C-alpha atoms as a PDB file:
ATOM      1  CA  MET A   1      -7.078 -13.824  -1.655  1.00  0.00           C
ATOM      2  CA  LYS A   2      -5.536 -10.795   0.066  1.00  0.00           C
ATOM      3  CA  ILE A   3      -3.729 -11.598   3.297  1.00  0.00           C
ATOM      4  CA  VAL A   4      -1.877  -9.268   5.667  1.00  0.00           C
ATOM      5  CA  LEU A   5       0.704 -10.524   8.180  1.00  0.00           C
ATOM      6  CA  ILE A   6       1.293  -8.335  11.222  1.00  0.00           C
ATOM      7  CA  GLY A   7       3.919  -8.824  13.925  1.00  0.00           C
ATOM      8  CA  ILE A   8       7.020  -7.321  15.449  1.00  0.00           C
ATOM      9  CA  GLN A   9      10.381  -7.734  13.781  1.00  0.00           C
ATOM     10  CA  GLY A  10      11.501 -11.309  14.409  1.00  0.00           C
ATOM     11  CA  ALA A  11       7.953 -12.723  14.683  1.00  0.00           C
ATOM     12  CA  GLY A  12       8.406 -14.901  11.597  1.00  0.00           C
ATOM     13  CA  LYS A  13       6.334 -12.941   9.087  1.00  0.00           C
ATOM     14  CA  SER A  14       8.686 -13.545   6.165  1.00  0.00           C
ATOM     15  CA  THR A  15       8.973 -17.253   6.972  1.00  0.00           C
ATOM     16  CA  GLN A  16       5.197 -17.635   7.102  1.00  0.00           C
ATOM     17  CA  GLY A  17       4.679 -15.322   4.130  1.00  0.00           C
ATOM     18  CA  ASN A  18       6.925 -17.450   1.945  1.00  0.00           C
ATOM     19  CA  LEU A  19       5.274 -20.677   3.118  1.00  0.00           C
ATOM     20  CA  LEU A  20       1.817 -19.238   2.404  1.00  0.00           C
ATOM     21  CA  SER A  21       2.939 -17.998  -0.986  1.00  0.00           C
ATOM     22  CA  GLN A  22       4.044 -21.511  -1.942  1.00  0.00           C
ATOM     23  CA  GLU A  23       0.933 -23.149  -0.471  1.00  0.00           C
ATOM     24  CA  TYR A  24      -1.616 -20.873  -2.163  1.00  0.00           C
ATOM     25  CA  ASN A  25       0.396 -19.768  -5.199  1.00  0.00           C
ATOM     26  CA  ILE A  26      -0.072 -16.109  -4.266  1.00  0.00           C
ATOM     27  CA  PRO A  27       2.815 -13.622  -4.469  1.00  0.00           C
ATOM     28  CA  TYR A  28       4.465 -12.545  -1.219  1.00  0.00           C
ATOM     29  CA  LEU A  29       5.371  -8.901  -0.747  1.00  0.00           C
ATOM     30  CA  SER A  30       7.335  -7.477   2.182  1.00  0.00           C
ATOM     31  CA  SER A  31       7.250  -3.726   2.747  1.00  0.00           C
ATOM     32  CA  GLY A  32      10.561  -3.962   4.617  1.00  0.00           C
ATOM     33  CA  HIS A  33      12.195  -5.749   1.692  1.00  0.00           C
ATOM     34  CA  ILE A  34      10.883  -3.105  -0.714  1.00  0.00           C
ATOM     35  CA  PHE A  35      12.225  -0.281   1.457  1.00  0.00           C
ATOM     36  CA  ARG A  36      15.619  -1.977   1.925  1.00  0.00           C
ATOM     37  CA  GLN A  37      15.939  -2.513  -1.850  1.00  0.00           C
ATOM     38  CA  MET A  38      15.047   1.112  -2.511  1.00  0.00           C
ATOM     39  CA  SER A  39      17.515   2.280   0.159  1.00  0.00           C
ATOM     40  CA  LYS A  40      20.352   0.786  -1.876  1.00  0.00           C
ATOM     41  CA  SER A  41      19.744   3.200  -4.742  1.00  0.00           C
ATOM     42  CA  LYS A  42      21.816   6.361  -4.931  1.00  0.00           C
ATOM     43  CA  THR A  43      18.713   8.512  -5.324  1.00  0.00           C
ATOM     44  CA  LYS A  44      17.556  11.141  -2.841  1.00  0.00           C
ATOM     45  CA  LEU A  45      14.684   8.839  -1.787  1.00  0.00           C
ATOM     46  CA  GLY A  46      17.047   5.868  -1.489  1.00  0.00           C
ATOM     47  CA  ARG A  47      19.458   7.750   0.778  1.00  0.00           C
ATOM     48  CA  TRP A  48      16.596   9.086   2.899  1.00  0.00           C
ATOM     49  CA  LEU A  49      15.068   5.597   3.246  1.00  0.00           C
ATOM     50  CA  LYS A  50      18.459   4.202   4.296  1.00  0.00           C
ATOM     51  CA  GLU A  51      18.805   6.807   7.054  1.00  0.00           C
ATOM     52  CA  THR A  52      15.223   6.268   8.189  1.00  0.00           C
ATOM     53  CA  LEU A  53      15.516   2.464   8.293  1.00  0.00           C
ATOM     54  CA  ASN A  54      18.915   2.480   9.987  1.00  0.00           C
ATOM     55  CA  SER A  55      17.553   4.720  12.743  1.00  0.00           C
ATOM     56  CA  GLY A  56      14.690   2.287  13.371  1.00  0.00           C
ATOM     57  CA  ALA A  57      12.056   4.894  12.532  1.00  0.00           C
ATOM     58  CA  LEU A  58       8.925   4.183  10.506  1.00  0.00           C
ATOM     59  CA  VAL A  59       8.648   5.478   6.972  1.00  0.00           C
ATOM     60  CA  PRO A  60       5.925   8.179   7.021  1.00  0.00           C
ATOM     61  CA  ASP A  61       2.410   7.185   5.966  1.00  0.00           C
ATOM     62  CA  GLU A  62       2.259   9.152   2.722  1.00  0.00           C
ATOM     63  CA  THR A  63       5.559   7.740   1.428  1.00  0.00           C
ATOM     64  CA  THR A  64       4.649   4.221   2.525  1.00  0.00           C
ATOM     65  CA  LEU A  65       1.231   4.381   0.860  1.00  0.00           C
ATOM     66  CA  ASP A  66       2.670   5.702  -2.405  1.00  0.00           C
ATOM     67  CA  ILE A  67       5.285   2.938  -2.561  1.00  0.00           C
ATOM     68  CA  ILE A  68       3.017   0.049  -1.517  1.00  0.00           C
ATOM     69  CA  PHE A  69       0.171   1.098  -3.819  1.00  0.00           C
ATOM     70  CA  GLU A  70       2.607   1.393  -6.719  1.00  0.00           C
ATOM     71  CA  TYR A  71       3.666  -2.212  -6.100  1.00  0.00           C
ATOM     72  CA  LEU A  72       0.129  -3.523  -5.632  1.00  0.00           C
ATOM     73  CA  ASP A  73      -0.900  -1.951  -8.933  1.00  0.00           C
ATOM     74  CA  LYS A  74       1.452  -4.356 -10.731  1.00  0.00           C
ATOM     75  CA  PRO A  75      -0.305  -7.161 -12.649  1.00  0.00           C
ATOM     76  CA  GLU A  76       1.214  -9.963 -10.528  1.00  0.00           C
ATOM     77  CA  TYR A  77      -0.790  -8.762  -7.506  1.00  0.00           C
ATOM     78  CA  ALA A  78      -4.148  -8.423  -9.297  1.00  0.00           C
ATOM     79  CA  ASN A  79      -5.403 -11.822  -8.077  1.00  0.00           C
ATOM     80  CA  GLY A  80      -4.186 -11.507  -4.508  1.00  0.00           C
ATOM     81  CA  TYR A  81      -1.100 -11.274  -2.342  1.00  0.00           C
ATOM     82  CA  ILE A  82       0.419 -11.934   1.023  1.00  0.00           C
ATOM     83  CA  LEU A  83       1.567  -8.624   2.457  1.00  0.00           C
ATOM     84  CA  ASP A  84       4.042  -8.389   5.315  1.00  0.00           C
ATOM     85  CA  GLY A  85       4.768  -5.264   7.335  1.00  0.00           C
ATOM     86  CA  PHE A  86       1.947  -3.119   6.036  1.00  0.00           C
ATOM     87  CA  PRO A  87      -0.201  -1.428   7.239  1.00  0.00           C
ATOM     88  CA  ARG A  88       1.646  -0.213  10.318  1.00  0.00           C
ATOM     89  CA  THR A  89      -0.577   2.703  11.253  1.00  0.00           C
ATOM     90  CA  LEU A  90      -4.318   3.287  11.428  1.00  0.00           C
ATOM     91  CA  ALA A  91      -4.069   5.896   8.645  1.00  0.00           C
ATOM     92  CA  GLN A  92      -2.396   3.290   6.417  1.00  0.00           C
ATOM     93  CA  ALA A  93      -5.050   0.677   7.252  1.00  0.00           C
ATOM     94  CA  LYS A  94      -7.881   3.054   6.383  1.00  0.00           C
ATOM     95  CA  ALA A  95      -6.258   4.167   3.114  1.00  0.00           C
ATOM     96  CA  PHE A  96      -5.550   0.533   2.280  1.00  0.00           C
ATOM     97  CA  LYS A  97      -9.218  -0.399   2.823  1.00  0.00           C
ATOM     98  CA  GLU A  98     -10.331   2.293   0.405  1.00  0.00           C
ATOM     99  CA  ARG A  99      -7.770   1.370  -2.247  1.00  0.00           C
ATOM    100  CA  ASN A 100      -7.108  -2.378  -2.152  1.00  0.00           C
ATOM    101  CA  GLY A 101      -8.708  -3.976   0.849  1.00  0.00           C
ATOM    102  CA  VAL A 102      -7.805  -7.172   2.630  1.00  0.00           C
ATOM    103  CA  ASP A 103      -9.578 -10.491   3.217  1.00  0.00           C
ATOM    104  CA  LYS A 104      -7.673 -11.907   6.182  1.00  0.00           C
ATOM    105  CA  VAL A 105      -5.261 -10.435   8.726  1.00  0.00           C
ATOM    106  CA  VAL A 106      -2.931 -12.595  10.809  1.00  0.00           C
ATOM    107  CA  LEU A 107      -1.169 -11.245  13.886  1.00  0.00           C
ATOM    108  CA  ILE A 108       1.837 -13.443  14.588  1.00  0.00           C
ATOM    109  CA  ASP A 109       2.155 -12.851  18.307  1.00  0.00           C
ATOM    110  CA  VAL A 110       5.666 -13.085  19.749  1.00  0.00           C
ATOM    111  CA  ASP A 111       7.034 -11.700  23.020  1.00  0.00           C
ATOM    112  CA  ASP A 112       9.572  -8.877  22.627  1.00  0.00           C
ATOM    113  CA  LYS A 113      12.337 -10.901  24.307  1.00  0.00           C
ATOM    114  CA  GLU A 114      11.680 -13.860  22.007  1.00  0.00           C
ATOM    115  CA  ALA A 115      11.858 -11.595  18.958  1.00  0.00           C
ATOM    116  CA  LEU A 116      15.147 -10.052  20.117  1.00  0.00           C
ATOM    117  CA  TRP A 117      16.557 -13.519  20.783  1.00  0.00           C
ATOM    118  CA  ARG A 118      15.561 -14.692  17.299  1.00  0.00           C
ATOM    119  CA  ILE A 119      17.015 -11.644  15.582  1.00  0.00           C
ATOM    120  CA  SER A 120      20.279 -11.839  17.538  1.00  0.00           C
ATOM    121  CA  GLY A 121      20.630 -15.489  16.529  1.00  0.00           C
ATOM    122  CA  ARG A 122      20.389 -14.968  12.795  1.00  0.00           C
ATOM    123  CA  VAL A 123      23.183 -14.044  10.468  1.00  0.00           C
ATOM    124  CA  SER A 124      22.477 -10.707   8.873  1.00  0.00           C
ATOM    125  CA  ASP A 125      24.317  -8.124   6.864  1.00  0.00           C
ATOM    126  CA  ARG A 126      21.486  -5.644   7.233  1.00  0.00           C
ATOM    127  CA  GLU A 127      22.559  -2.232   8.448  1.00  0.00           C
ATOM    128  CA  ASP A 128      19.136  -1.671  10.002  1.00  0.00           C
ATOM    129  CA  GLU A 129      19.488  -4.585  12.433  1.00  0.00           C
ATOM    130  CA  THR A 130      21.400  -2.825  15.182  1.00  0.00           C
ATOM    131  CA  LEU A 131      20.104  -3.512  18.678  1.00  0.00           C
ATOM    132  CA  GLN A 132      19.095   0.147  19.046  1.00  0.00           C
ATOM    133  CA  ALA A 133      17.162   0.164  15.729  1.00  0.00           C
ATOM    134  CA  ILE A 134      15.445  -3.148  16.507  1.00  0.00           C
ATOM    135  CA  ARG A 135      14.352  -1.993  19.960  1.00  0.00           C
ATOM    136  CA  LYS A 136      13.031   1.250  18.496  1.00  0.00           C
ATOM    137  CA  ARG A 137      11.050  -0.633  15.817  1.00  0.00           C
ATOM    138  CA  ILE A 138       9.571  -2.988  18.416  1.00  0.00           C
ATOM    139  CA  SER A 139       8.540  -0.020  20.554  1.00  0.00           C
ATOM    140  CA  LEU A 140       7.049   1.762  17.529  1.00  0.00           C
ATOM    141  CA  PHE A 141       5.207  -1.419  16.601  1.00  0.00           C
ATOM    142  CA  HIS A 142       3.477  -1.472  19.973  1.00  0.00           C
ATOM    143  CA  GLU A 143       2.702   2.257  19.815  1.00  0.00           C
ATOM    144  CA  SER A 144       1.508   2.482  16.207  1.00  0.00           C
ATOM    145  CA  THR A 145       0.239  -0.929  15.273  1.00  0.00           C
ATOM    146  CA  SER A 146      -1.981  -1.682  18.268  1.00  0.00           C
ATOM    147  CA  THR A 147      -4.665   0.515  16.682  1.00  0.00           C
ATOM    148  CA  VAL A 148      -4.291  -1.412  13.409  1.00  0.00           C
ATOM    149  CA  VAL A 149      -4.817  -4.684  15.274  1.00  0.00           C
ATOM    150  CA  GLU A 150      -7.947  -3.267  16.939  1.00  0.00           C
ATOM    151  CA  TYR A 151      -9.182  -1.929  13.587  1.00  0.00           C
ATOM    152  CA  TYR A 152      -9.021  -5.358  11.937  1.00  0.00           C
ATOM    153  CA  GLN A 153     -10.285  -7.140  15.050  1.00  0.00           C
ATOM    154  CA  ASP A 154     -13.363  -4.882  15.090  1.00  0.00           C
ATOM    155  CA  ARG A 155     -13.994  -5.874  11.451  1.00  0.00           C
ATOM    156  CA  GLY A 156     -13.827  -9.566  12.316  1.00  0.00           C
ATOM    157  CA  ILE A 157     -10.975 -10.381   9.933  1.00  0.00           C
ATOM    158  CA  LEU A 158      -8.074 -10.713  12.407  1.00  0.00           C
ATOM    159  CA  ILE A 159      -6.714 -13.820  14.044  1.00  0.00           C
ATOM    160  CA  ARG A 160      -3.926 -13.991  16.617  1.00  0.00           C
ATOM    161  CA  VAL A 161      -1.517 -16.867  16.176  1.00  0.00           C
ATOM    162  CA  ASP A 162       1.004 -17.929  18.807  1.00  0.00           C
ATOM    163  CA  GLY A 163       4.212 -17.182  16.925  1.00  0.00           C
ATOM    164  CA  GLU A 164       6.385 -18.837  19.559  1.00  0.00           C
ATOM    165  CA  GLN A 165       5.293 -22.299  18.437  1.00  0.00           C
ATOM    166  CA  ASP A 166       7.232 -24.420  15.995  1.00  0.00           C
ATOM    167  CA  VAL A 167       7.212 -22.915  12.462  1.00  0.00           C
ATOM    168  CA  ASP A 168       5.038 -25.763  11.149  1.00  0.00           C
ATOM    169  CA  ASP A 169       2.477 -25.306  13.937  1.00  0.00           C
ATOM    170  CA  VAL A 170       2.254 -21.565  13.257  1.00  0.00           C
ATOM    171  CA  PHE A 171       1.738 -22.376   9.571  1.00  0.00           C
ATOM    172  CA  LYS A 172      -1.008 -24.909  10.372  1.00  0.00           C
ATOM    173  CA  ASP A 173      -2.820 -22.366  12.587  1.00  0.00           C
ATOM    174  CA  ILE A 174      -2.675 -19.724   9.852  1.00  0.00           C
ATOM    175  CA  LYS A 175      -3.907 -22.183   7.206  1.00  0.00           C
ATOM    176  CA  LYS A 176      -6.869 -23.191   9.405  1.00  0.00           C
ATOM    177  CA  TYR A 177      -7.914 -19.562   9.632  1.00  0.00           C
ATOM    178  CA  ILE A 178      -7.420 -18.823   5.940  1.00  0.00           C
ATOM    179  CA  THR A 179      -9.415 -21.816   4.752  1.00  0.00           C
ATOM    180  CA  LYS A 180     -12.439 -20.980   6.947  1.00  0.00           C
END
Protein backbone atom coordinates (compact mmCIF):
# COMPACT_ATOMS: atom_id res chain seq x y z
CA MET A 1 0.00 0.00 0.00
CA LYS A 2 1.34 3.42 -1.01
CA ILE A 3 -0.10 6.30 0.98
CA VAL A 4 0.64 10.02 0.72
CA LEU A 5 -0.13 12.48 3.54
CA ILE A 6 -0.61 16.10 2.53
CA GLY A 7 -1.08 19.08 4.84
CA ILE A 8 0.50 22.30 6.00
CA GLN A 9 3.28 22.28 8.55
CA GLY A 10 1.69 21.55 11.92
CA ALA A 11 -1.25 19.56 10.48
CA GLY A 12 -0.13 16.36 12.20
CA LYS A 13 1.29 14.46 9.23
CA SER A 14 4.19 12.95 11.16
CA THR A 15 1.94 11.94 14.05
CA GLN A 16 -0.50 10.23 11.71
CA GLY A 17 2.28 8.81 9.54
CA ASN A 18 3.88 7.10 12.52
CA LEU A 19 0.52 5.76 13.74
CA LEU A 20 -0.26 4.40 10.27
CA SER A 21 3.18 2.87 9.99
CA GLN A 22 2.62 0.95 13.23
CA GLU A 23 -0.94 -0.04 12.31
CA TYR A 24 -0.16 -1.36 8.83
CA ASN A 25 3.51 -2.30 9.28
CA ILE A 26 4.52 -0.06 6.38
CA PRO A 27 7.58 2.21 6.60
CA TYR A 28 7.00 5.93 7.14
CA LEU A 29 9.09 8.41 5.18
CA SER A 30 9.07 12.18 5.67
CA SER A 31 10.59 14.35 2.95
CA GLY A 32 11.17 17.10 5.52
CA HIS A 33 13.06 14.72 7.79
CA ILE A 34 15.20 13.56 4.86
CA PHE A 35 16.03 17.14 3.88
CA ARG A 36 16.81 18.16 7.48
CA GLN A 37 19.13 15.15 7.90
CA MET A 38 20.90 15.97 4.65
CA SER A 39 21.21 19.64 5.66
CA LYS A 40 23.37 18.60 8.61
CA SER A 41 26.09 17.28 6.31
CA LYS A 42 29.02 19.52 5.48
CA THR A 43 28.59 18.90 1.76
CA LYS A 44 27.69 21.55 -0.81
CA LEU A 45 24.19 20.02 -1.10
CA GLY A 46 23.83 19.87 2.68
CA ARG A 47 24.73 23.54 3.13
CA TRP A 48 22.42 24.56 0.28
CA LEU A 49 19.53 22.52 1.74
CA LYS A 50 20.09 24.13 5.15
CA GLU A 51 19.86 27.63 3.66
CA THR A 52 16.81 26.70 1.61
CA LEU A 53 14.96 25.11 4.54
CA ASN A 54 15.83 27.88 6.98
CA SER A 55 14.44 30.47 4.57
CA GLY A 56 11.15 28.57 4.35
CA ALA A 57 11.51 28.02 0.61
CA LEU A 58 10.64 24.77 -1.16
CA VAL A 59 13.41 22.55 -2.46
CA PRO A 60 13.20 22.69 -6.29
CA ASP A 61 11.35 19.89 -8.07
CA GLU A 62 14.34 18.26 -9.75
CA THR A 63 16.34 18.03 -6.51
CA THR A 64 13.31 16.81 -4.56
CA LEU A 65 12.49 14.13 -7.14
CA ASP A 66 16.08 12.87 -7.25
CA ILE A 67 16.27 12.58 -3.45
CA ILE A 68 12.82 11.03 -2.91
CA PHE A 69 13.19 8.53 -5.76
CA GLU A 70 16.59 7.50 -4.42
CA TYR A 71 14.96 6.72 -1.07
CA LEU A 72 11.96 4.93 -2.56
CA ASP A 73 14.28 2.70 -4.57
CA LYS A 74 15.55 1.20 -1.30
CA PRO A 75 14.32 -2.36 -0.61
CA GLU A 76 12.41 -1.40 2.56
CA TYR A 77 9.94 0.62 0.46
CA ALA A 78 9.33 -2.05 -2.21
CA ASN A 79 6.09 -3.26 -0.59
CA GLY A 80 4.67 0.16 0.21
CA TYR A 81 5.18 3.26 2.30
CA ILE A 82 3.56 6.19 4.00
CA LEU A 83 5.00 9.35 2.49
CA ASP A 84 4.71 12.73 4.19
CA GLY A 85 5.44 16.07 2.56
CA PHE A 86 5.75 14.87 -1.01
CA PRO A 87 4.62 15.66 -3.65
CA ARG A 88 4.34 19.40 -3.09
CA THR A 89 3.96 20.54 -6.68
CA LEU A 90 2.00 19.33 -9.69
CA ALA A 91 5.26 18.54 -11.52
CA GLN A 92 6.30 16.32 -8.60
CA ALA A 93 2.91 14.58 -8.54
CA LYS A 94 3.06 13.81 -12.25
CA ALA A 95 6.65 12.53 -12.08
CA PHE A 96 5.72 10.47 -9.03
CA LYS A 97 2.80 8.86 -10.89
CA GLU A 98 5.08 7.80 -13.71
CA ARG A 99 7.77 6.43 -11.40
CA ASN A 100 6.17 5.02 -8.25
CA GLY A 101 2.51 5.88 -8.07
CA VAL A 102 0.26 6.12 -5.06
CA ASP A 103 -2.84 4.24 -3.89
CA LYS A 104 -4.36 6.67 -1.40
CA VAL A 105 -3.85 10.36 -0.65
CA VAL A 106 -4.95 11.94 2.63
CA LEU A 107 -5.21 15.71 3.04
CA ILE A 108 -5.07 16.50 6.74
CA ASP A 109 -6.96 19.78 6.72
CA VAL A 110 -5.98 22.29 9.40
CA ASP A 111 -6.58 26.05 9.53
CA ASP A 112 -3.42 28.18 9.25
CA LYS A 113 -3.95 29.71 12.71
CA GLU A 114 -4.37 26.26 14.26
CA ALA A 115 -1.16 25.06 12.60
CA LEU A 116 0.78 28.11 13.84
CA TRP A 117 -0.62 27.59 17.34
CA ARG A 118 0.44 23.93 17.32
CA ILE A 119 3.93 24.68 16.06
CA SER A 120 4.45 27.50 18.57
CA GLY A 121 3.43 25.15 21.38
CA ARG A 122 5.94 22.42 20.65
CA VAL A 123 9.50 22.28 21.82
CA SER A 124 11.83 22.33 18.85
CA ASP A 125 15.49 22.81 18.18
CA ARG A 126 14.90 23.04 14.46
CA GLU A 127 16.49 26.05 12.82
CA ASP A 128 13.82 26.03 10.11
CA GLU A 129 10.98 26.67 12.57
CA THR A 130 11.22 30.44 12.77
CA LEU A 131 7.89 32.24 12.54
CA GLN A 132 8.95 33.81 9.23
CA ALA A 133 9.97 30.44 7.71
CA ILE A 134 6.79 28.73 8.93
CA ARG A 135 4.55 31.45 7.51
CA LYS A 136 6.39 31.29 4.19
CA ARG A 137 6.00 27.49 4.03
CA ILE A 138 2.29 27.73 4.82
CA SER A 139 1.85 30.33 2.08
CA LEU A 140 3.84 28.21 -0.38
CA PHE A 141 1.75 25.19 0.57
CA HIS A 142 -1.43 27.01 -0.43
CA GLU A 143 0.14 28.32 -3.65
CA SER A 144 1.88 25.14 -4.82
CA THR A 145 0.00 22.26 -3.31
CA SER A 146 -3.58 23.24 -4.16
CA THR A 147 -2.98 21.90 -7.68
CA VAL A 148 -1.66 18.64 -6.20
CA VAL A 149 -4.83 18.30 -4.13
CA GLU A 150 -6.96 18.89 -7.24
CA TYR A 151 -4.84 16.42 -9.23
CA TYR A 152 -5.46 13.60 -6.74
CA GLN A 153 -9.08 14.60 -6.19
CA ASP A 154 -9.72 14.37 -9.95
CA ARG A 155 -8.26 10.83 -9.86
CA GLY A 156 -10.61 9.82 -7.05
CA ILE A 157 -7.87 8.84 -4.60
CA LEU A 158 -7.96 11.84 -2.22
CA ILE A 159 -9.82 12.21 1.03
CA ARG A 160 -9.95 15.31 3.22
CA VAL A 161 -9.76 14.65 6.94
CA ASP A 162 -10.54 17.26 9.58
CA GLY A 163 -7.11 17.56 11.19
CA GLU A 164 -8.40 19.74 14.02
CA GLN A 165 -10.08 16.76 15.68
CA ASP A 166 -8.50 14.72 18.43
CA VAL A 167 -5.48 12.71 17.16
CA ASP A 168 -7.35 9.42 17.62
CA ASP A 169 -10.36 10.67 15.65
CA VAL A 170 -8.14 11.82 12.78
CA PHE A 171 -6.50 8.38 12.82
CA LYS A 172 -9.88 6.61 12.77
CA ASP A 173 -11.03 8.73 9.79
CA ILE A 174 -7.85 7.95 7.86
CA LYS A 175 -8.13 4.22 8.64
CA LYS A 176 -11.75 4.15 7.41
CA TYR A 177 -10.63 5.59 4.09
CA ILE A 178 -7.61 3.32 3.72
CA THR A 179 -9.53 0.13 4.42
CA LYS A 180 -12.24 0.90 1.83
